[in-house]
């Protein structure tokens, strides 16, 4: 039994998608973004966070969105939000 079924919700779509991604949820999007080199804040030489170094618009973060779009486009992933 799935969590939705346990809550009394019946999934309206049965799919062979490999995964469901919560598109608008940064918490769940972070692993894909960080895997391609994106990050929220960089670090200073002493290891503390650097709020002036934001990596949400670097090449890695942009690449993660391109991959995410492709996963949605080909049906490998479905938007669960």
Protein backbone atom coordinates (compact mmCIF):
# COMPACT_ATOMS: atom_id res chain seq x y z
CA UNK A 1 0.00 0.00 0.00
CA UNK A 2 1.35 3.42 -0.92
CA UNK A 3 1.33 6.44 1.39
CA UNK A 4 -1.39 8.04 -0.72
CA UNK A 5 -3.55 4.95 -0.52
CA UNK A 6 -3.03 4.84 3.25
CA UNK A 7 -4.28 8.42 3.42
CA UNK A 8 -7.37 7.43 1.46
CA UNK A 9 -6.15 9.09 -1.74
CA UNK A 10 -6.17 7.06 -4.91
CA UNK A 11 -3.51 8.00 -7.43
CA UNK A 12 -5.23 9.40 -10.49
CA UNK A 13 -2.36 8.53 -12.80
CA UNK A 14 -0.52 5.24 -13.03
CA UNK A 15 2.86 5.73 -14.57
CA UNK A 16 6.01 3.92 -15.50
CA UNK A 17 8.07 7.00 -14.65
CA UNK A 18 11.31 6.31 -12.85
CA UNK A 19 10.70 8.97 -10.20
CA UNK A 20 8.49 11.77 -9.05
CA UNK A 21 10.09 15.15 -8.39
CA UNK A 22 8.63 18.01 -6.42
CA UNK A 23 9.53 20.77 -8.84
CA UNK A 24 8.72 23.78 -6.72
CA UNK A 25 10.35 22.41 -3.57
CA UNK A 26 14.00 23.53 -3.19
CA UNK A 27 14.62 20.91 -0.52
CA UNK A 28 13.93 18.09 -2.97
CA UNK A 29 15.56 19.83 -5.94
CA UNK A 30 18.88 20.40 -4.13
CA UNK A 31 20.38 16.92 -4.74
CA UNK A 32 20.06 17.27 -8.51
CA UNK A 33 21.31 20.85 -8.43
CA UNK A 34 24.33 20.04 -6.25
CA UNK A 35 25.19 16.95 -8.31
CA UNK A 36 25.80 19.20 -11.30
CA UNK A 37 27.79 21.84 -9.39
CA UNK A 38 25.07 24.21 -8.22
CA UNK A 39 24.99 25.38 -4.62
CA UNK A 40 23.21 27.88 -2.41
CA UNK A 41 26.13 29.62 -0.67
CA UNK A 42 29.84 29.21 -1.25
CA UNK A 43 32.33 29.02 1.57
CA UNK A 44 35.03 31.36 2.76
CA UNK A 45 38.61 30.13 3.26
CA UNK A 46 37.86 29.62 6.97
CA UNK A 47 34.98 27.26 6.08
CA UNK A 48 32.09 29.56 7.01
CA UNK A 49 29.32 30.29 4.53
CA UNK A 50 29.79 33.22 2.18
CA UNK A 51 26.41 34.92 1.56
CA UNK A 52 28.00 36.98 -1.22
CA UNK A 53 28.83 33.83 -3.22
CA UNK A 54 25.47 32.51 -4.42
CA UNK A 55 25.60 29.49 -6.72
CA UNK A 56 21.95 29.31 -7.78
CA UNK A 57 22.74 30.80 -11.19
CA UNK A 58 26.07 29.19 -11.98
CA UNK A 59 26.64 26.76 -14.85
CA UNK A 60 25.97 23.73 -12.63
CA UNK A 61 22.64 25.04 -11.36
CA UNK A 62 21.56 25.95 -14.88
CA UNK A 63 22.58 22.50 -16.12
CA UNK A 64 20.49 20.84 -13.40
CA UNK A 65 17.40 22.70 -14.61
CA UNK A 66 18.10 21.62 -18.18
CA UNK A 67 18.35 18.01 -17.01
CA UNK A 68 15.19 18.37 -14.93
CA UNK A 69 13.30 19.78 -17.93
CA UNK A 70 14.50 16.89 -20.08
CA UNK A 71 13.41 14.32 -17.48
CA UNK A 72 9.94 15.86 -17.43
CA UNK A 73 9.82 16.16 -21.22
CA UNK A 74 10.64 12.50 -21.92
CA UNK A 75 8.48 11.20 -19.08
CA UNK A 76 11.28 9.70 -16.99
CA UNK A 77 10.18 11.90 -14.10
CA UNK A 78 6.81 13.33 -13.22
CA UNK A 79 6.17 16.55 -11.35
CA UNK A 80 4.69 15.54 -8.00
CA UNK A 81 3.94 19.07 -6.83
